[in-house]
Protein backbone atom coordinates (compact mmCIF):
# COMPACT_ATOMS: atom_id res chain seq x y z
CA UNK A 1 10.17 5.36 29.26
CA UNK A 2 11.19 2.03 27.85
CA UNK A 3 7.58 0.86 28.17
CA UNK A 4 6.39 3.96 26.33
CA UNK A 5 8.84 3.34 23.48
CA UNK A 6 7.67 -0.28 23.18
CA UNK A 7 4.05 0.94 23.18
CA UNK A 8 4.82 3.35 20.31
CA UNK A 9 6.53 0.57 18.34
CA UNK A 10 3.56 -1.75 18.96
CA UNK A 11 1.10 0.93 17.80
CA UNK A 12 3.10 1.42 14.62
CA UNK A 13 3.15 -2.37 14.09
CA UNK A 14 -0.65 -2.52 14.54
CA UNK A 15 -1.17 0.28 12.03
CA UNK A 16 1.21 -1.48 9.64
CA UNK A 17 -0.69 -4.76 9.95
CA UNK A 18 -4.01 -2.95 9.42
CA UNK A 19 -2.74 -1.25 6.26
CA UNK A 20 -1.44 -4.57 4.95
CA UNK A 21 -4.87 -6.12 5.60
CA UNK A 22 -6.50 -3.28 3.65
CA UNK A 23 -4.03 -3.81 0.84
CA UNK A 24 -4.86 -7.53 0.73
CA UNK A 25 -8.63 -7.08 1.20
CA UNK A 26 -9.01 -4.71 -1.74
CA UNK A 27 -6.42 -6.53 -3.85
CA UNK A 28 -4.40 -3.41 -4.59
CA UNK A 29 -1.20 -5.45 -4.55
CA UNK A 30 0.97 -2.54 -3.48
CA UNK A 31 4.49 -3.58 -2.58
CA UNK A 32 5.93 -2.67 0.80
CA UNK A 33 7.92 0.12 -0.86
CA UNK A 34 4.83 1.50 -2.59
CA UNK A 35 2.89 1.44 0.69
CA UNK A 36 5.71 3.32 2.43
CA UNK A 37 5.73 5.82 -0.44
CA UNK A 38 1.97 6.41 -0.16
CA UNK A 39 1.54 6.34 3.61
CA UNK A 40 4.62 8.35 4.60
CA UNK A 41 3.92 10.80 1.77
CA UNK A 42 0.32 11.28 2.99
CA UNK A 43 1.46 11.52 6.62
CA UNK A 44 4.05 14.15 5.68
CA UNK A 45 1.47 16.19 3.79
CA UNK A 46 -0.97 15.98 6.70
CA UNK A 47 1.78 17.27 8.98
CA UNK A 48 2.53 20.12 6.52
CA UNK A 49 -1.12 21.22 6.69
CA UNK A 50 -0.81 21.48 10.48
CA UNK A 51 2.76 22.76 10.84
CA UNK A 52 2.77 25.35 8.03
CA UNK A 53 -0.11 27.49 9.38
CA UNK A 54 1.36 27.25 12.88
CA UNK A 55 4.85 28.32 11.76
CA UNK A 56 3.42 31.03 9.50
CA UNK A 57 1.47 32.45 12.45
CA UNK A 58 4.51 32.24 14.73
CA UNK A 59 6.74 33.96 12.16
CA UNK A 60 4.10 36.61 11.45
CA UNK A 61 3.89 37.42 15.15
CA UNK A 62 7.67 37.72 15.47
CA UNK A 63 8.17 34.37 17.20
CA UNK A 64 11.09 33.22 15.05
CA UNK A 65 12.87 31.91 18.14
CA UNK A 66 9.96 29.53 18.81
CA UNK A 67 10.15 28.24 15.24
CA UNK A 68 13.90 27.81 15.61
CA UNK A 69 13.47 25.99 18.93
CA UNK A 70 10.92 23.55 17.47
CA UNK A 71 13.21 22.83 14.52
CA UNK A 72 16.32 22.33 16.67
CA UNK A 73 14.40 20.26 19.24
CA UNK A 74 13.26 17.96 16.43
CA UNK A 75 16.83 17.66 15.15
CA UNK A 76 18.11 16.90 18.65
CA UNK A 77 15.58 14.06 18.98
CA UNK A 78 16.64 12.60 15.62
CA UNK A 79 20.36 13.00 16.35
CA UNK A 80 20.15 11.39 19.79
CA UNK A 81 18.18 8.45 18.42
CA UNK A 82 20.70 8.10 15.58
CA UNK A 83 23.61 8.08 18.03
CA UNK A 84 22.00 5.39 20.17
CA UNK A 85 21.07 3.25 17.16
CA UNK A 86 24.60 3.71 15.84
CA UNK A 87 26.00 2.50 19.15
CA UNK A 88 23.80 -0.58 18.94
CA UNK A 89 24.75 -1.40 15.35
CA UNK A 90 28.48 -0.82 15.78
CA UNK A 91 28.74 -2.15 19.35
CA UNK A 92 30.61 1.02 20.37
CA UNK A 93 28.41 1.63 23.40
CA UNK A 94 25.13 0.71 25.02
CA UNK A 95 21.89 1.67 23.34
CA UNK A 96 20.06 3.31 26.22
CA UNK A 97 16.84 5.32 26.16
CA UNK A 98 18.01 7.22 29.25
CA UNK A 99 20.91 8.62 27.18
CA UNK A 100 18.36 10.06 24.75
CA UNK A 101 16.37 11.60 27.59
CA UNK A 102 19.45 13.12 29.22
CA UNK A 103 20.68 14.52 25.90
CA UNK A 104 17.32 16.17 25.23
CA UNK A 105 17.17 17.42 28.83
CA UNK A 106 20.65 18.93 28.35
CA UNK A 107 19.43 20.90 25.33
CA UNK A 108 16.29 22.07 27.16
CA UNK A 109 18.31 23.12 30.23
CA UNK A 110 20.88 25.03 28.20
CA UNK A 111 18.14 26.70 26.17
CA UNK A 112 16.38 27.78 29.37
CA UNK A 113 19.62 29.33 30.63
CA UNK A 114 20.03 31.11 27.28
CA UNK A 115 16.42 32.33 27.51
CA UNK A 116 17.02 33.82 30.95
CA UNK A 117 20.08 35.72 29.73
CA UNK A 118 18.22 36.81 26.60
CA UNK A 119 15.30 38.04 28.73
CA UNK A 120 17.66 40.00 30.98
CA UNK A 121 19.34 41.52 27.92
CA UNK A 122 15.96 42.65 26.50
CA UNK A 123 14.86 43.99 29.89
CA UNK A 124 18.04 46.06 30.22
CA UNK A 125 17.50 47.44 26.71
CA UNK A 126 13.94 48.49 27.55
CA UNK A 127 14.91 50.03 30.90
CA UNK A 128 17.66 52.05 29.24
CA UNK A 129 15.15 53.30 26.67
CA UNK A 130 17.11 51.86 23.80
CA UNK A 131 14.71 48.98 23.17
CA UNK A 132 13.38 50.07 19.79
CA UNK A 133 16.70 51.10 18.30
CA UNK A 134 18.77 48.20 19.66
CA UNK A 135 16.06 45.60 18.99
CA UNK A 136 16.12 46.44 15.29
CA UNK A 137 19.85 45.81 15.21
CA UNK A 138 19.46 42.73 17.43
CA UNK A 139 16.64 41.29 15.28
CA UNK A 140 19.15 40.84 12.48
CA UNK A 141 20.38 37.91 14.58
CA UNK A 142 16.77 36.66 14.99
CA UNK A 143 17.24 36.29 18.72
């Protein structure tokens, strides 16, 4: 995993160098801050054009839990990276990629356990013939 992380960083560095070469070649004279503004802004908008239709479709097909999982999974990735970077900066622990992987794996494992219990709950509701009535009440919780 460490090799993969270094590969990602190297790819980002190559893209950064390429963009700087374009900036110099066409004499735009954008500052580093202006380039970040333009590139990250464009990248964010490109991601919106992909993510929005996907989330809209998921929400329209009553897959709110999937949308929630994607959002929380993304937050977990950011939080675990922030914790490890914080440990490095403050020298309060060892910055370790394995810690990130185990933290994410912990979330995935606990979510799978939750999903099993949730599935059993929905199955019991359907078997008892109370699926429609109880699901409406249960959907208020978006589970």
